């Protein structure tokens, strides 16, 4: 069902979602038919299997079990200490927690232009789903689906690292952090000793980050372990 554009504009965060970016608003969500929706649901696992295979190919190339040019190509331009760090045993099986393919719709389905190494759009999609849903539209995943999914990556709260390279996405990740932190305070039960009162998610600069609590999520194509990661810190 169409919604009033004035309602969408009124719900737009004052801080924006993409730095120095504007776009046209639609009175209704982009329509996706049930067949395509099922294809997209299956796509997540398929791309996970693909990325796992790529990771295995790289490490087998390092060991000489696959052509050496694979590892040489992927390591090109990276500092030796970064390459060595990423090959440490505890990180070898690390895979992206967010898989963001760029899909182009065609007359006969869709094609994948790339699997983006910077997971931009999480906050924007979360805001769109939340807003359209609150105005009565039916959206895939529901109004809180994107926020619930992101919270599952850092269930205990944590830091969201955004590099200067990915600064365009800082406003939307700040929106995500604010939404999750606010919900945490609202849902916590002060009468229950085991209640996780006051979990906090915060956006911080990746270049000057010093680990100090629960976990971290990186928005950058130059992460030191894998391109999109969660790391346990103490």
C-alpha atoms as a PDB file:
ATOM      1  CA  UNK A   1       0.000   0.000   0.000  1.00  0.00           C
ATOM      2  CA  UNK A   2       1.320   3.491  -0.872  1.00  0.00           C
ATOM      3  CA  UNK A   3       2.258   5.763   2.008  1.00  0.00           C
ATOM      4  CA  UNK A   4       2.452   9.525   2.286  1.00  0.00           C
ATOM      5  CA  UNK A   5       5.872  10.835   1.271  1.00  0.00           C
ATOM      6  CA  UNK A   6       5.558  13.447   4.000  1.00  0.00           C
ATOM      7  CA  UNK A   7       5.428  10.619   6.569  1.00  0.00           C
ATOM      8  CA  UNK A   8       8.629   9.126   5.164  1.00  0.00           C
ATOM      9  CA  UNK A   9      10.391  12.495   5.236  1.00  0.00           C
ATOM     10  CA  UNK A  10       9.247  13.105   8.817  1.00  0.00           C
ATOM     11  CA  UNK A  11      10.714   9.766   9.913  1.00  0.00           C
ATOM     12  CA  UNK A  12      14.087  10.390   8.273  1.00  0.00           C
ATOM     13  CA  UNK A  13      16.909  10.702  10.842  1.00  0.00           C
ATOM     14  CA  UNK A  14      18.111  14.276  11.281  1.00  0.00           C
ATOM     15  CA  UNK A  15      21.722  13.067  11.029  1.00  0.00           C
ATOM     16  CA  UNK A  16      21.023  11.330   7.722  1.00  0.00           C
ATOM     17  CA  UNK A  17      21.970   7.782   6.763  1.00  0.00           C
ATOM     18  CA  UNK A  18      24.641   8.176   4.086  1.00  0.00           C
ATOM     19  CA  UNK A  19      27.192  10.981   4.441  1.00  0.00           C
ATOM     20  CA  UNK A  20      26.603  13.707   1.822  1.00  0.00           C
ATOM     21  CA  UNK A  21      24.128  11.509  -0.082  1.00  0.00           C
ATOM     22  CA  UNK A  22      20.500  12.100  -1.014  1.00  0.00           C
ATOM     23  CA  UNK A  23      17.997  10.040  -2.994  1.00  0.00           C
ATOM     24  CA  UNK A  24      14.412  10.031  -4.127  1.00  0.00           C
ATOM     25  CA  UNK A  25      11.782   8.497  -1.861  1.00  0.00           C
ATOM     26  CA  UNK A  26       9.128   6.053  -3.037  1.00  0.00           C
ATOM     27  CA  UNK A  27       5.571   5.908  -1.661  1.00  0.00           C
ATOM     28  CA  UNK A  28       5.860   2.109  -1.471  1.00  0.00           C
ATOM     29  CA  UNK A  29       8.582  -0.515  -0.986  1.00  0.00           C
ATOM     30  CA  UNK A  30      10.167  -2.101  -4.050  1.00  0.00           C
ATOM     31  CA  UNK A  31       7.931  -5.043  -5.005  1.00  0.00           C
ATOM     32  CA  UNK A  32       9.451  -8.544  -4.976  1.00  0.00           C
ATOM     33  CA  UNK A  33       7.362 -11.487  -6.106  1.00  0.00           C
ATOM     34  CA  UNK A  34       7.246 -14.709  -4.008  1.00  0.00           C
ATOM     35  CA  UNK A  35       9.427 -16.672  -6.464  1.00  0.00           C
ATOM     36  CA  UNK A  36      12.239 -14.114  -6.352  1.00  0.00           C
ATOM     37  CA  UNK A  37      11.894 -13.831  -2.576  1.00  0.00           C
ATOM     38  CA  UNK A  38      12.527 -17.576  -2.192  1.00  0.00           C
ATOM     39  CA  UNK A  39      15.524 -17.352  -4.531  1.00  0.00           C
ATOM     40  CA  UNK A  40      16.986 -14.562  -2.420  1.00  0.00           C
ATOM     41  CA  UNK A  41      16.488 -16.559   0.785  1.00  0.00           C
ATOM     42  CA  UNK A  42      18.464 -19.445  -0.720  1.00  0.00           C
ATOM     43  CA  UNK A  43      21.145 -17.129  -2.063  1.00  0.00           C
ATOM     44  CA  UNK A  44      22.586 -16.366   1.370  1.00  0.00           C
ATOM     45  CA  UNK A  45      23.634 -19.955   2.030  1.00  0.00           C
ATOM     46  CA  UNK A  46      24.847 -20.421  -1.531  1.00  0.00           C
ATOM     47  CA  UNK A  47      27.142 -17.406  -1.288  1.00  0.00           C
ATOM     48  CA  UNK A  48      28.370 -18.565   2.116  1.00  0.00           C
ATOM     49  CA  UNK A  49      29.397 -21.890   0.563  1.00  0.00           C
ATOM     50  CA  UNK A  50      31.069 -19.998  -2.299  1.00  0.00           C
ATOM     51  CA  UNK A  51      33.083 -17.792   0.059  1.00  0.00           C
ATOM     52  CA  UNK A  52      34.066 -20.795   2.169  1.00  0.00           C
ATOM     53  CA  UNK A  53      35.358 -22.497  -0.981  1.00  0.00           C
ATOM     54  CA  UNK A  54      37.303 -19.358  -1.943  1.00  0.00           C
ATOM     55  CA  UNK A  55      38.878 -19.271   1.513  1.00  0.00           C
ATOM     56  CA  UNK A  56      39.873 -22.939   1.250  1.00  0.00           C
ATOM     57  CA  UNK A  57      41.307 -22.324  -2.221  1.00  0.00           C
ATOM     58  CA  UNK A  58      43.481 -19.511  -0.884  1.00  0.00           C
ATOM     59  CA  UNK A  59      44.911 -21.532   2.002  1.00  0.00           C
ATOM     60  CA  UNK A  60      45.516 -24.576  -0.211  1.00  0.00           C
ATOM     61  CA  UNK A  61      47.334 -22.264  -2.616  1.00  0.00           C
ATOM     62  CA  UNK A  62      49.528 -21.074   0.257  1.00  0.00           C
ATOM     63  CA  UNK A  63      50.402 -24.725   1.017  1.00  0.00           C
ATOM     64  CA  UNK A  64      51.160 -25.497  -2.615  1.00  0.00           C
ATOM     65  CA  UNK A  65      48.152 -27.791  -3.039  1.00  0.00           C
ATOM     66  CA  UNK A  66      46.562 -25.386  -5.525  1.00  0.00           C
ATOM     67  CA  UNK A  67      48.182 -23.006  -8.065  1.00  0.00           C
ATOM     68  CA  UNK A  68      50.482 -20.538  -6.305  1.00  0.00           C
ATOM     69  CA  UNK A  69      49.247 -17.576  -8.345  1.00  0.00           C
ATOM     70  CA  UNK A  70      45.957 -17.575  -6.388  1.00  0.00           C
ATOM     71  CA  UNK A  71      47.625 -16.615  -3.091  1.00  0.00           C
ATOM     72  CA  UNK A  72      50.104 -14.335  -4.866  1.00  0.00           C
ATOM     73  CA  UNK A  73      47.270 -12.399  -6.496  1.00  0.00           C
ATOM     74  CA  UNK A  74      45.254 -12.036  -3.279  1.00  0.00           C
ATOM     75  CA  UNK A  75      48.302 -11.048  -1.216  1.00  0.00           C
ATOM     76  CA  UNK A  76      49.556  -8.453  -3.685  1.00  0.00           C
ATOM     77  CA  UNK A  77      50.017  -5.011  -2.149  1.00  0.00           C
ATOM     78  CA  UNK A  78      49.498  -6.140   1.446  1.00  0.00           C
ATOM     79  CA  UNK A  79      52.180  -5.664   4.137  1.00  0.00           C
ATOM     80  CA  UNK A  80      53.955  -8.951   5.007  1.00  0.00           C
ATOM     81  CA  UNK A  81      52.886  -8.714   8.664  1.00  0.00           C
ATOM     82  CA  UNK A  82      49.228  -8.408   7.615  1.00  0.00           C
ATOM     83  CA  UNK A  83      49.486 -11.474   5.382  1.00  0.00           C
ATOM     84  CA  UNK A  84      51.186 -13.458   8.158  1.00  0.00           C
ATOM     85  CA  UNK A  85      48.563 -12.376  10.675  1.00  0.00           C
ATOM     86  CA  UNK A  86      45.674 -13.455   8.445  1.00  0.00           C
ATOM     87  CA  UNK A  87      47.295 -16.893   7.964  1.00  0.00           C
ATOM     88  CA  UNK A  88      47.491 -17.653  11.684  1.00  0.00           C
ATOM     89  CA  UNK A  89      45.647 -20.831  12.609  1.00  0.00           C
ATOM     90  CA  UNK A  90      42.938 -19.164  14.700  1.00  0.00           C
ATOM     91  CA  UNK A  91      41.885 -16.999  11.749  1.00  0.00           C
ATOM     92  CA  UNK A  92      42.084 -19.438   8.838  1.00  0.00           C
ATOM     93  CA  UNK A  93      38.428 -20.394   8.940  1.00  0.00           C
ATOM     94  CA  UNK A  94      37.145 -16.860   9.552  1.00  0.00           C
ATOM     95  CA  UNK A  95      34.523 -15.859   7.001  1.00  0.00           C
ATOM     96  CA  UNK A  96      32.505 -12.655   6.534  1.00  0.00           C
ATOM     97  CA  UNK A  97      29.558 -12.377   8.893  1.00  0.00           C
ATOM     98  CA  UNK A  98      27.734 -10.177   6.411  1.00  0.00           C
ATOM     99  CA  UNK A  99      27.492 -11.185   2.761  1.00  0.00           C
ATOM    100  CA  UNK A 100      26.354  -8.295   0.582  1.00  0.00           C
ATOM    101  CA  UNK A 101      25.963  -9.130  -3.113  1.00  0.00           C
ATOM    102  CA  UNK A 102      25.167  -6.387  -5.600  1.00  0.00           C
ATOM    103  CA  UNK A 103      22.251  -7.764  -7.604  1.00  0.00           C
ATOM    104  CA  UNK A 104      21.116  -6.438 -10.973  1.00  0.00           C
ATOM    105  CA  UNK A 105      17.579  -7.353 -11.972  1.00  0.00           C
ATOM    106  CA  UNK A 106      17.056  -8.439 -15.581  1.00  0.00           C
ATOM    107  CA  UNK A 107      14.103  -9.619 -17.646  1.00  0.00           C
ATOM    108  CA  UNK A 108      14.997 -13.226 -16.829  1.00  0.00           C
ATOM    109  CA  UNK A 109      15.951 -12.952 -13.166  1.00  0.00           C
ATOM    110  CA  UNK A 110      19.028 -11.360 -11.652  1.00  0.00           C
ATOM    111  CA  UNK A 111      22.785 -11.350 -12.015  1.00  0.00           C
ATOM    112  CA  UNK A 112      25.425 -10.741  -9.333  1.00  0.00           C
ATOM    113  CA  UNK A 113      27.705  -7.837 -10.223  1.00  0.00           C
ATOM    114  CA  UNK A 114      29.973  -8.308  -7.188  1.00  0.00           C
ATOM    115  CA  UNK A 115      30.094  -9.420  -3.577  1.00  0.00           C
ATOM    116  CA  UNK A 116      30.898  -6.148  -1.866  1.00  0.00           C
ATOM    117  CA  UNK A 117      33.683  -6.121   0.703  1.00  0.00           C
ATOM    118  CA  UNK A 118      32.161  -3.140   2.551  1.00  0.00           C
ATOM    119  CA  UNK A 119      28.725  -4.011   4.025  1.00  0.00           C
ATOM    120  CA  UNK A 120      27.074  -0.647   3.446  1.00  0.00           C
ATOM    121  CA  UNK A 121      23.305  -0.437   3.509  1.00  0.00           C
ATOM    122  CA  UNK A 122      22.608  -2.242   6.788  1.00  0.00           C
ATOM    123  CA  UNK A 123      21.302   0.876   8.509  1.00  0.00           C
ATOM    124  CA  UNK A 124      19.566   2.213   5.424  1.00  0.00           C
ATOM    125  CA  UNK A 125      17.721  -1.068   4.847  1.00  0.00           C
ATOM    126  CA  UNK A 126      16.899  -1.267   8.546  1.00  0.00           C
ATOM    127  CA  UNK A 127      15.423   2.235   8.508  1.00  0.00           C
ATOM    128  CA  UNK A 128      13.458   1.605   5.319  1.00  0.00           C
ATOM    129  CA  UNK A 129      11.978  -1.640   6.659  1.00  0.00           C
ATOM    130  CA  UNK A 130      11.188  -0.101  10.031  1.00  0.00           C
ATOM    131  CA  UNK A 131       9.594   2.985   8.497  1.00  0.00           C
ATOM    132  CA  UNK A 132       7.572   1.331   5.743  1.00  0.00           C
ATOM    133  CA  UNK A 133       6.391  -1.342   8.177  1.00  0.00           C
ATOM    134  CA  UNK A 134       5.293   1.247  10.732  1.00  0.00           C
ATOM    135  CA  UNK A 135       3.276   2.950   8.000  1.00  0.00           C
ATOM    136  CA  UNK A 136       1.417  -0.257   7.169  1.00  0.00           C
ATOM    137  CA  UNK A 137       3.464  -1.714   4.313  1.00  0.00           C
ATOM    138  CA  UNK A 138       4.425  -5.400   4.246  1.00  0.00           C
ATOM    139  CA  UNK A 139       8.188  -5.888   4.000  1.00  0.00           C
ATOM    140  CA  UNK A 140      10.352  -9.009   3.828  1.00  0.00           C
ATOM    141  CA  UNK A 141      11.883  -9.692   7.236  1.00  0.00           C
ATOM    142  CA  UNK A 142       9.473  -7.411   9.057  1.00  0.00           C
ATOM    143  CA  UNK A 143      10.163  -4.010  10.505  1.00  0.00           C
ATOM    144  CA  UNK A 144      13.004  -5.157  12.787  1.00  0.00           C
ATOM    145  CA  UNK A 145      14.535  -7.937  10.692  1.00  0.00           C
ATOM    146  CA  UNK A 146      17.724  -6.093   9.747  1.00  0.00           C
ATOM    147  CA  UNK A 147      18.317  -4.857  13.303  1.00  0.00           C
ATOM    148  CA  UNK A 148      17.642  -8.316  14.759  1.00  0.00           C
ATOM    149  CA  UNK A 149      20.069  -9.860  12.291  1.00  0.00           C
ATOM    150  CA  UNK A 150      22.827  -7.378  13.086  1.00  0.00           C
ATOM    151  CA  UNK A 151      22.305  -7.771  16.832  1.00  0.00           C
ATOM    152  CA  UNK A 152      22.836 -11.522  16.431  1.00  0.00           C
ATOM    153  CA  UNK A 153      26.412 -10.736  15.308  1.00  0.00           C
ATOM    154  CA  UNK A 154      27.171  -8.803  18.512  1.00  0.00           C
ATOM    155  CA  UNK A 155      24.610 -10.083  21.024  1.00  0.00           C
ATOM    156  CA  UNK A 156      26.525  -8.707  24.014  1.00  0.00           C
ATOM    157  CA  UNK A 157      26.949  -5.242  22.559  1.00  0.00           C
ATOM    158  CA  UNK A 158      30.233  -4.022  21.144  1.00  0.00           C
ATOM    159  CA  UNK A 159      32.101  -1.612  18.931  1.00  0.00           C
ATOM    160  CA  UNK A 160      31.327  -1.013  15.259  1.00  0.00           C
ATOM    161  CA  UNK A 161      34.550   0.016  13.528  1.00  0.00           C
ATOM    162  CA  UNK A 162      34.156   2.303  10.507  1.00  0.00           C
ATOM    163  CA  UNK A 163      37.237   3.278   8.529  1.00  0.00           C
ATOM    164  CA  UNK A 164      37.732   6.592   6.736  1.00  0.00           C
ATOM    165  CA  UNK A 165      37.480   4.688   3.472  1.00  0.00           C
ATOM    166  CA  UNK A 166      33.939   3.636   4.458  1.00  0.00           C
ATOM    167  CA  UNK A 167      32.996   6.983   6.087  1.00  0.00           C
ATOM    168  CA  UNK A 168      29.956   7.271   3.810  1.00  0.00           C
ATOM    169  CA  UNK A 169      28.344   4.516   5.883  1.00  0.00           C
ATOM    170  CA  UNK A 170      29.121   5.994   9.307  1.00  0.00           C
ATOM    171  CA  UNK A 171      25.741   7.776   9.754  1.00  0.00           C
ATOM    172  CA  UNK A 172      23.717   4.637   9.033  1.00  0.00           C
ATOM    173  CA  UNK A 173      25.830   2.523  11.393  1.00  0.00           C
ATOM    174  CA  UNK A 174      25.381   5.185  14.075  1.00  0.00           C
ATOM    175  CA  UNK A 175      21.644   4.820  13.539  1.00  0.00           C
ATOM    176  CA  UNK A 176      21.962   1.028  13.961  1.00  0.00           C
ATOM    177  CA  UNK A 177      24.000   1.442  17.150  1.00  0.00           C
ATOM    178  CA  UNK A 178      21.507   3.936  18.588  1.00  0.00           C
ATOM    179  CA  UNK A 179      18.530   1.714  17.776  1.00  0.00           C
ATOM    180  CA  UNK A 180      20.082  -1.381  19.369  1.00  0.00           C
ATOM    181  CA  UNK A 181      21.336   0.473  22.453  1.00  0.00           C
ATOM    182  CA  UNK A 182      17.974   2.136  22.988  1.00  0.00           C
ATOM    183  CA  UNK A 183      16.111  -1.171  22.666  1.00  0.00           C
ATOM    184  CA  UNK A 184      18.513  -2.780  25.138  1.00  0.00           C
ATOM    185  CA  UNK A 185      17.749  -0.205  27.822  1.00  0.00           C
ATOM    186  CA  UNK A 186      14.026  -0.392  27.181  1.00  0.00           C
ATOM    187  CA  UNK A 187      13.847  -4.204  27.329  1.00  0.00           C
ATOM    188  CA  UNK A 188      16.121  -4.730  30.318  1.00  0.00           C
ATOM    189  CA  UNK A 189      14.365  -5.822  33.512  1.00  0.00           C
ATOM    190  CA  UNK A 190      15.917  -4.026  36.528  1.00  0.00           C
ATOM    191  CA  UNK A 191      14.235  -6.518  38.896  1.00  0.00           C
ATOM    192  CA  UNK A 192      15.936  -9.494  37.268  1.00  0.00           C
ATOM    193  CA  UNK A 193      19.557 -10.008  38.402  1.00  0.00           C
ATOM    194  CA  UNK A 194      20.475 -11.839  35.194  1.00  0.00           C
ATOM    195  CA  UNK A 195      18.975  -9.135  32.983  1.00  0.00           C
ATOM    196  CA  UNK A 196      21.498  -7.690  30.552  1.00  0.00           C
ATOM    197  CA  UNK A 197      20.880  -4.109  31.547  1.00  0.00           C
ATOM    198  CA  UNK A 198      22.337  -1.412  29.360  1.00  0.00           C
ATOM    199  CA  UNK A 199      24.035  -3.290  26.525  1.00  0.00           C
ATOM    200  CA  UNK A 200      25.736  -0.777  24.290  1.00  0.00           C
ATOM    201  CA  UNK A 201      26.728  -0.635  20.644  1.00  0.00           C
ATOM    202  CA  UNK A 202      28.959   2.231  19.546  1.00  0.00           C
ATOM    203  CA  UNK A 203      30.517   3.396  16.272  1.00  0.00           C
ATOM    204  CA  UNK A 204      34.238   4.181  16.553  1.00  0.00           C
ATOM    205  CA  UNK A 205      37.034   5.050  14.151  1.00  0.00           C
ATOM    206  CA  UNK A 206      38.834   1.962  12.874  1.00  0.00           C
ATOM    207  CA  UNK A 207      42.193   3.699  12.459  1.00  0.00           C
ATOM    208  CA  UNK A 208      42.581   4.604  16.157  1.00  0.00           C
ATOM    209  CA  UNK A 209      40.663   1.732  17.728  1.00  0.00           C
ATOM    210  CA  UNK A 210      41.940   0.100  20.910  1.00  0.00           C
ATOM    211  CA  UNK A 211      40.131  -3.152  21.863  1.00  0.00           C
ATOM    212  CA  UNK A 212      38.587  -3.108  25.285  1.00  0.00           C
ATOM    213  CA  UNK A 213      35.229  -4.869  25.509  1.00  0.00           C
ATOM    214  CA  UNK A 214      32.823  -7.525  24.187  1.00  0.00           C
ATOM    215  CA  UNK A 215      33.378  -7.609  20.466  1.00  0.00           C
ATOM    216  CA  UNK A 216      33.837  -5.606  17.300  1.00  0.00           C
ATOM    217  CA  UNK A 217      32.380  -5.440  13.819  1.00  0.00           C
ATOM    218  CA  UNK A 218      34.398  -3.841  11.034  1.00  0.00           C
ATOM    219  CA  UNK A 219      33.008  -1.769   8.164  1.00  0.00           C
ATOM    220  CA  UNK A 220      36.060  -1.563   5.921  1.00  0.00           C
ATOM    221  CA  UNK A 221      37.577  -3.337   2.932  1.00  0.00           C
ATOM    222  CA  UNK A 222      40.956  -3.385   4.703  1.00  0.00           C
ATOM    223  CA  UNK A 223      40.224  -5.342   7.853  1.00  0.00           C
ATOM    224  CA  UNK A 224      43.333  -6.994   9.278  1.00  0.00           C
ATOM    225  CA  UNK A 225      41.805 -10.459   9.714  1.00  0.00           C
ATOM    226  CA  UNK A 226      39.078 -10.887   7.173  1.00  0.00           C
ATOM    227  CA  UNK A 227      37.233  -8.154   5.374  1.00  0.00           C
ATOM    228  CA  UNK A 228      34.153  -8.188   7.575  1.00  0.00           C
ATOM    229  CA  UNK A 229      34.743  -9.709  10.966  1.00  0.00           C
ATOM    230  CA  UNK A 230      33.805 -10.127  14.558  1.00  0.00           C
ATOM    231  CA  UNK A 231      36.708 -10.562  16.927  1.00  0.00           C
ATOM    232  CA  UNK A 232      36.596 -11.546  20.575  1.00  0.00           C
ATOM    233  CA  UNK A 233      38.586  -9.117  22.677  1.00  0.00           C
ATOM    234  CA  UNK A 234      39.298  -8.696  26.351  1.00  0.00           C
END
